[in-house]
C-alpha atoms as a PDB file:
ATOM      1  CA  MET A   1     129.226  64.821 100.117  1.00  0.00           C
ATOM      2  CA  ASN A   2     127.721  62.716 102.882  1.00  0.00           C
ATOM      3  CA  THR A   3     124.885  63.844 105.137  1.00  0.00           C
ATOM      4  CA  ILE A   4     127.070  63.976 108.280  1.00  0.00           C
ATOM      5  CA  LYS A   5     129.488  66.407 106.602  1.00  0.00           C
ATOM      6  CA  LYS A   6     126.570  68.550 105.377  1.00  0.00           C
ATOM      7  CA  ILE A   7     125.137  68.721 108.884  1.00  0.00           C
ATOM      8  CA  GLY A   8     128.591  69.673 110.180  1.00  0.00           C
ATOM      9  CA  ILE A   9     128.833  72.471 107.638  1.00  0.00           C
ATOM     10  CA  PHE A  10     125.392  73.669 108.699  1.00  0.00           C
ATOM     11  CA  PHE A  11     126.233  73.848 112.363  1.00  0.00           C
ATOM     12  CA  SER A  12     129.714  75.305 111.823  1.00  0.00           C
ATOM     13  CA  THR A  13     128.356  78.245 109.847  1.00  0.00           C
ATOM     14  CA  LEU A  14     124.772  78.467 111.169  1.00  0.00           C
ATOM     15  CA  ILE A  15     123.597  79.612 107.763  1.00  0.00           C
ATOM     16  CA  PHE A  16     122.385  76.521 105.938  1.00  0.00           C
ATOM     17  CA  ARG A  17     118.795  77.605 105.283  1.00  0.00           C
ATOM     18  CA  GLY A  18     116.594  77.610 102.247  1.00  0.00           C
ATOM     19  CA  LYS A  19     115.595  75.549  99.297  1.00  0.00           C
ATOM     20  CA  TRP A  20     115.524  75.981  95.544  1.00  0.00           C
ATOM     21  CA  SER A  21     111.871  76.609  94.684  1.00  0.00           C
ATOM     22  CA  ASN A  22     108.532  76.027  96.309  1.00  0.00           C
ATOM     23  CA  GLU A  23     105.671  73.912  95.006  1.00  0.00           C
ATOM     24  CA  ASN A  24     104.436  76.820  92.859  1.00  0.00           C
ATOM     25  CA  GLY A  25     107.811  77.257  91.155  1.00  0.00           C
ATOM     26  CA  MET A  26     108.477  80.598  92.859  1.00  0.00           C
ATOM     27  CA  SER A  27     112.105  81.511  93.585  1.00  0.00           C
ATOM     28  CA  VAL A  28     113.336  81.057  97.097  1.00  0.00           C
ATOM     29  CA  TYR A  29     116.738  81.831  98.487  1.00  0.00           C
ATOM     30  CA  PHE A  30     118.909  81.351 101.528  1.00  0.00           C
ATOM     31  CA  PRO A  31     118.551  84.081 104.174  1.00  0.00           C
ATOM     32  CA  TYR A  32     121.258  86.724 103.962  1.00  0.00           C
ATOM     33  CA  ASN A  33     123.911  86.862 106.693  1.00  0.00           C
ATOM     34  CA  ASP A  34     125.298  90.418 106.817  1.00  0.00           C
ATOM     35  CA  ASP A  35     127.977  89.696 109.453  1.00  0.00           C
ATOM     36  CA  ILE A  36     129.446  86.865 107.414  1.00  0.00           C
ATOM     37  CA  ALA A  37     129.237  88.851 104.160  1.00  0.00           C
ATOM     38  CA  ARG A  38     130.990  91.854 105.740  1.00  0.00           C
ATOM     39  CA  SER A  39     133.711  89.682 107.335  1.00  0.00           C
ATOM     40  CA  ILE A  40     134.437  87.936 104.036  1.00  0.00           C
ATOM     41  CA  ALA A  41     134.414  91.274 102.187  1.00  0.00           C
ATOM     42  CA  SER A  42     136.901  92.609 104.752  1.00  0.00           C
ATOM     43  CA  LEU A  43     139.235  89.659 104.130  1.00  0.00           C
ATOM     44  CA  PHE A  44     139.092  90.198 100.364  1.00  0.00           C
ATOM     45  CA  ILE A  45     139.837  93.927 100.782  1.00  0.00           C
ATOM     46  CA  LYS A  46     142.757  93.160 103.117  1.00  0.00           C
ATOM     47  CA  LYS A  47     144.182  90.635 100.636  1.00  0.00           C
ATOM     48  CA  ASN A  48     143.865  93.296  97.921  1.00  0.00           C
ATOM     49  CA  GLY A  49     146.050  95.750  99.869  1.00  0.00           C
ATOM     50  CA  GLY A  50     143.334  97.588 101.831  1.00  0.00           C
ATOM     51  CA  THR A  51     141.295  98.936  98.898  1.00  0.00           C
ATOM     52  CA  ILE A  52     139.367  97.312  96.069  1.00  0.00           C
ATOM     53  CA  ASP A  53     136.999  98.305  93.305  1.00  0.00           C
ATOM     54  CA  ARG A  54     133.347  97.809  94.296  1.00  0.00           C
ATOM     55  CA  LEU A  55     132.545  95.783  91.165  1.00  0.00           C
ATOM     56  CA  LYS A  56     135.491  93.449  91.718  1.00  0.00           C
ATOM     57  CA  LEU A  57     134.515  92.899  95.362  1.00  0.00           C
ATOM     58  CA  ASN A  58     130.942  92.082  94.309  1.00  0.00           C
ATOM     59  CA  LYS A  59     132.276  89.440  91.921  1.00  0.00           C
ATOM     60  CA  LEU A  60     134.647  87.872  94.477  1.00  0.00           C
ATOM     61  CA  LEU A  61     131.795  87.511  96.975  1.00  0.00           C
ATOM     62  CA  TYR A  62     129.492  86.078  94.300  1.00  0.00           C
ATOM     63  CA  PHE A  63     132.139  83.554  93.164  1.00  0.00           C
ATOM     64  CA  LEU A  64     132.710  82.471  96.762  1.00  0.00           C
ATOM     65  CA  GLU A  65     128.965  81.946  97.293  1.00  0.00           C
ATOM     66  CA  THR A  66     128.420  80.027  94.058  1.00  0.00           C
ATOM     67  CA  THR A  67     131.484  77.861  94.701  1.00  0.00           C
ATOM     68  CA  ALA A  68     130.015  76.937  98.097  1.00  0.00           C
ATOM     69  CA  LEU A  69     126.680  76.101  96.477  1.00  0.00           C
ATOM     70  CA  LYS A  70     128.245  73.940  93.766  1.00  0.00           C
ATOM     71  CA  GLU A  71     131.030  72.203  95.680  1.00  0.00           C
ATOM     72  CA  PHE A  72     129.889  72.129  99.314  1.00  0.00           C
ATOM     73  CA  GLU A  73     126.136  72.150  98.684  1.00  0.00           C
ATOM     74  CA  CYS A  74     125.555  74.992 101.127  1.00  0.00           C
ATOM     75  CA  SER A  75     125.225  78.751 101.290  1.00  0.00           C
ATOM     76  CA  ILE A  76     127.724  80.947 103.128  1.00  0.00           C
ATOM     77  CA  ILE A  77     126.411  84.460 102.495  1.00  0.00           C
ATOM     78  CA  GLY A  78     122.854  83.831 101.292  1.00  0.00           C
ATOM     79  CA  GLY A  79     120.616  86.521  99.880  1.00  0.00           C
ATOM     80  CA  LYS A  80     119.008  86.985  96.511  1.00  0.00           C
ATOM     81  CA  TYR A  81     121.202  86.352  93.455  1.00  0.00           C
ATOM     82  CA  VAL A  82     120.722  88.712  90.523  1.00  0.00           C
ATOM     83  CA  SER A  83     121.985  89.646  87.071  1.00  0.00           C
ATOM     84  CA  PHE A  84     123.086  93.254  86.657  1.00  0.00           C
ATOM     85  CA  GLU A  85     124.503  94.900  83.549  1.00  0.00           C
ATOM     86  CA  PHE A  86     128.071  94.122  84.641  1.00  0.00           C
ATOM     87  CA  GLY A  87     127.438  90.540  85.704  1.00  0.00           C
ATOM     88  CA  PRO A  88     125.928  88.493  88.513  1.00  0.00           C
ATOM     89  CA  ALA A  89     125.921  89.603  92.154  1.00  0.00           C
ATOM     90  CA  ILE A  90     124.359  89.008  95.543  1.00  0.00           C
ATOM     91  CA  SER A  91     121.700  91.707  95.798  1.00  0.00           C
ATOM     92  CA  PRO A  92     122.035  92.658  99.513  1.00  0.00           C
ATOM     93  CA  VAL A  93     125.837  92.819  99.166  1.00  0.00           C
ATOM     94  CA  ALA A  94     125.539  95.119  96.147  1.00  0.00           C
ATOM     95  CA  ASP A  95     123.092  97.260  98.111  1.00  0.00           C
ATOM     96  CA  SER A  96     125.433  97.466 101.134  1.00  0.00           C
ATOM     97  CA  LEU A  97     128.318  98.578  98.925  1.00  0.00           C
ATOM     98  CA  LYS A  98     126.274 101.517  97.579  1.00  0.00           C
ATOM     99  CA  TYR A  99     126.328 103.294 100.937  1.00  0.00           C
ATOM    100  CA  ASN A 100     129.122 105.312 102.564  1.00  0.00           C
ATOM    101  CA  SER A 101     129.900 102.709 105.182  1.00  0.00           C
ATOM    102  CA  TRP A 102     129.286  99.065 105.909  1.00  0.00           C
ATOM    103  CA  GLY A 103     130.686  98.386 109.368  1.00  0.00           C
ATOM    104  CA  ASN A 104     134.470  98.598 109.054  1.00  0.00           C
ATOM    105  CA  ILE A 105     134.219  99.140 105.288  1.00  0.00           C
ATOM    106  CA  LYS A 106     134.098 102.593 103.693  1.00  0.00           C
ATOM    107  CA  CYS A 107     132.507 102.898 100.258  1.00  0.00           C
ATOM    108  CA  GLU A 108     133.242 105.961  98.137  1.00  0.00           C
ATOM    109  CA  ASP A 109     132.096 106.029  94.536  1.00  0.00           C
ATOM    110  CA  ILE A 110     133.695 102.879  93.077  1.00  0.00           C
ATOM    111  CA  THR A 111     136.431 102.427  95.707  1.00  0.00           C
ATOM    112  CA  VAL A 112     135.958 100.315  98.813  1.00  0.00           C
ATOM    113  CA  THR A 113     138.419 100.717 101.699  1.00  0.00           C
ATOM    114  CA  LEU A 114     138.964  98.641 104.819  1.00  0.00           C
ATOM    115  CA  LEU A 115     138.990 100.703 108.030  1.00  0.00           C
ATOM    116  CA  GLY A 116     140.708  99.012 110.956  1.00  0.00           C
ATOM    117  CA  GLU A 117     141.214  95.338 111.607  1.00  0.00           C
ATOM    118  CA  VAL A 118     139.306  92.408 110.148  1.00  0.00           C
ATOM    119  CA  ASP A 119     136.981  90.645 112.568  1.00  0.00           C
ATOM    120  CA  ASP A 120     136.691  87.152 111.139  1.00  0.00           C
ATOM    121  CA  SER A 121     135.565  85.492 114.377  1.00  0.00           C
ATOM    122  CA  CYS A 122     132.228  84.526 112.773  1.00  0.00           C
ATOM    123  CA  LEU A 123     133.999  82.561 110.005  1.00  0.00           C
ATOM    124  CA  SER A 124     134.926  78.900 110.231  1.00  0.00           C
ATOM    125  CA  GLU A 125     138.332  77.721 109.004  1.00  0.00           C
ATOM    126  CA  TRP A 126     136.915  76.152 105.854  1.00  0.00           C
ATOM    127  CA  ILE A 127     135.298  79.482 104.905  1.00  0.00           C
ATOM    128  CA  LYS A 128     138.644  81.271 105.416  1.00  0.00           C
ATOM    129  CA  GLU A 129     140.302  78.633 103.228  1.00  0.00           C
ATOM    130  CA  LEU A 130     137.671  79.216 100.559  1.00  0.00           C
ATOM    131  CA  VAL A 131     138.310  82.987 100.736  1.00  0.00           C
ATOM    132  CA  ASP A 132     142.014  82.276 100.121  1.00  0.00           C
ATOM    133  CA  ARG A 133     141.215  79.976  97.230  1.00  0.00           C
ATOM    134  CA  ILE A 134     138.825  82.422  95.527  1.00  0.00           C
ATOM    135  CA  TYR A 135     141.245  85.324  95.951  1.00  0.00           C
ATOM    136  CA  ASN A 136     144.151  83.232  94.604  1.00  0.00           C
ATOM    137  CA  GLU A 137     142.057  82.329  91.577  1.00  0.00           C
ATOM    138  CA  PHE A 138     140.500  85.733  90.796  1.00  0.00           C
ATOM    139  CA  GLY A 139     142.287  88.396  92.865  1.00  0.00           C
ATOM    140  CA  HIS A 140     144.902  89.070  90.168  1.00  0.00           C
ATOM    141  CA  MET A 141     142.182  90.027  87.668  1.00  0.00           C
ATOM    142  CA  GLY A 142     141.371  93.657  86.992  1.00  0.00           C
ATOM    143  CA  THR A 143     137.838  94.943  87.518  1.00  0.00           C
ATOM    144  CA  TRP A 144     136.781  94.769  83.877  1.00  0.00           C
ATOM    145  CA  ASP A 145     138.514  91.418  83.360  1.00  0.00           C
ATOM    146  CA  ILE A 146     136.567  89.847  86.232  1.00  0.00           C
ATOM    147  CA  SER A 147     133.352  91.440  84.946  1.00  0.00           C
ATOM    148  CA  ARG A 148     133.937  90.048  81.425  1.00  0.00           C
ATOM    149  CA  TYR A 149     134.782  86.658  82.958  1.00  0.00           C
ATOM    150  CA  SER A 150     131.394  86.636  84.721  1.00  0.00           C
ATOM    151  CA  HIS A 151     129.647  87.305  81.384  1.00  0.00           C
ATOM    152  CA  GLU A 152     131.099  84.224  79.700  1.00  0.00           C
ATOM    153  CA  ARG A 153     128.605  81.391  79.438  1.00  0.00           C
ATOM    154  CA  GLU A 154     131.129  78.707  80.429  1.00  0.00           C
ATOM    155  CA  ASN A 155     131.959  80.577  83.659  1.00  0.00           C
ATOM    156  CA  CYS A 156     128.552  81.884  84.781  1.00  0.00           C
ATOM    157  CA  PRO A 157     125.827  80.299  82.669  1.00  0.00           C
ATOM    158  CA  GLU A 158     123.232  81.630  85.117  1.00  0.00           C
ATOM    159  CA  TRP A 159     123.965  85.278  84.208  1.00  0.00           C
ATOM    160  CA  ILE A 160     121.379  86.848  81.915  1.00  0.00           C
ATOM    161  CA  PRO A 161     122.461  89.821  79.762  1.00  0.00           C
ATOM    162  CA  THR A 162     120.812  92.768  81.462  1.00  0.00           C
ATOM    163  CA  LYS A 163     120.279  96.370  80.377  1.00  0.00           C
ATOM    164  CA  ARG A 164     121.549  99.267  82.481  1.00  0.00           C
ATOM    165  CA  GLY A 165     119.199  99.828  85.421  1.00  0.00           C
ATOM    166  CA  ASP A 166     117.463  96.460  85.050  1.00  0.00           C
ATOM    167  CA  VAL A 167     117.802  93.483  87.378  1.00  0.00           C
ATOM    168  CA  ASN A 168     117.004  89.845  86.619  1.00  0.00           C
ATOM    169  CA  ASP A 169     116.697  87.182  89.318  1.00  0.00           C
ATOM    170  CA  ILE A 170     119.042  84.201  89.363  1.00  0.00           C
ATOM    171  CA  THR A 171     117.678  81.118  91.096  1.00  0.00           C
ATOM    172  CA  ILE A 172     119.799  78.652  93.002  1.00  0.00           C
ATOM    173  CA  LYS A 173     118.714  76.047  90.468  1.00  0.00           C
ATOM    174  CA  ASP A 174     120.144  78.300  87.722  1.00  0.00           C
ATOM    175  CA  ILE A 175     123.500  78.118  89.525  1.00  0.00           C
ATOM    176  CA  VAL A 176     123.693  74.435  90.464  1.00  0.00           C
ATOM    177  CA  GLY A 177     121.425  72.855  87.871  1.00  0.00           C
ATOM    178  CA  GLU A 178     119.307  69.817  88.611  1.00  0.00           C
ATOM    179  CA  ALA A 179     121.480  68.492  91.467  1.00  0.00           C
ATOM    180  CA  THR A 180     119.300  69.961  94.196  1.00  0.00           C
ATOM    181  CA  SER A 181     117.509  67.076  95.894  1.00  0.00           C
ATOM    182  CA  ASP A 182     120.075  66.430  98.654  1.00  0.00           C
ATOM    183  CA  LEU A 183     119.972  70.041  99.763  1.00  0.00           C
ATOM    184  CA  GLU A 184     116.194  70.157  99.646  1.00  0.00           C
ATOM    185  CA  ASP A 185     115.977  66.986 101.760  1.00  0.00           C
ATOM    186  CA  LEU A 186     118.495  68.254 104.297  1.00  0.00           C
ATOM    187  CA  ALA A 187     116.798  71.642 104.528  1.00  0.00           C
ATOM    188  CA  ARG A 188     113.435  69.935 105.102  1.00  0.00           C
ATOM    189  CA  ASP A 189     114.949  67.619 107.699  1.00  0.00           C
ATOM    190  CA  LEU A 190     116.439  70.551 109.590  1.00  0.00           C
ATOM    191  CA  HIS A 191     113.252  72.657 109.263  1.00  0.00           C
ATOM    192  CA  VAL A 192     115.195  75.802 108.430  1.00  0.00           C
ATOM    193  CA  PHE A 193     114.099  76.651 104.901  1.00  0.00           C
ATOM    194  CA  ASN A 194     112.283  79.910 104.102  1.00  0.00           C
ATOM    195  CA  LYS A 195     109.864  80.618 101.276  1.00  0.00           C
ATOM    196  CA  ILE A 196     109.370  83.850  99.382  1.00  0.00           C
ATOM    197  CA  HIS A 197     105.690  84.793  99.325  1.00  0.00           C
END
């Protein structure tokens, strides 16, 4: 992907921030964008008929984010990536889905329901197209099928088997491998990366 297209993606989504690791090897991550995460979650719930299992929604959002990192070399949702017992997830998304409500989304036990209309005004067209693509690829899968899929090394090599109640960090480098220099250079050039201290 050329630099002009990367800059265009940055400005169209206003979320291209971060880098892979700092000089000390500490994990860093892209800042989390709650509005974008909630809008994308709302689209997935709508496509699923208005309700969805919380675990399945977590996986769809994670797959969308990691696809953006690998194919478009940018972050859409951001946040800290983690391994849970039932697979990888975006930590602030998982946290939001634990509460009774998240904007226009109602969370009860394991069921997540869309309340009202979807406000996707903060999403660019290419993000909406990626939502469609991810749902077309994984939306037909049941909750436990998508969880098992995320445990398979060939699908999510970054996931670390994790005991119940434990959480293990996943770095961006774990997701995309060694192909990180272009993103690091662009982030430095734009002066928008954040470090974890």
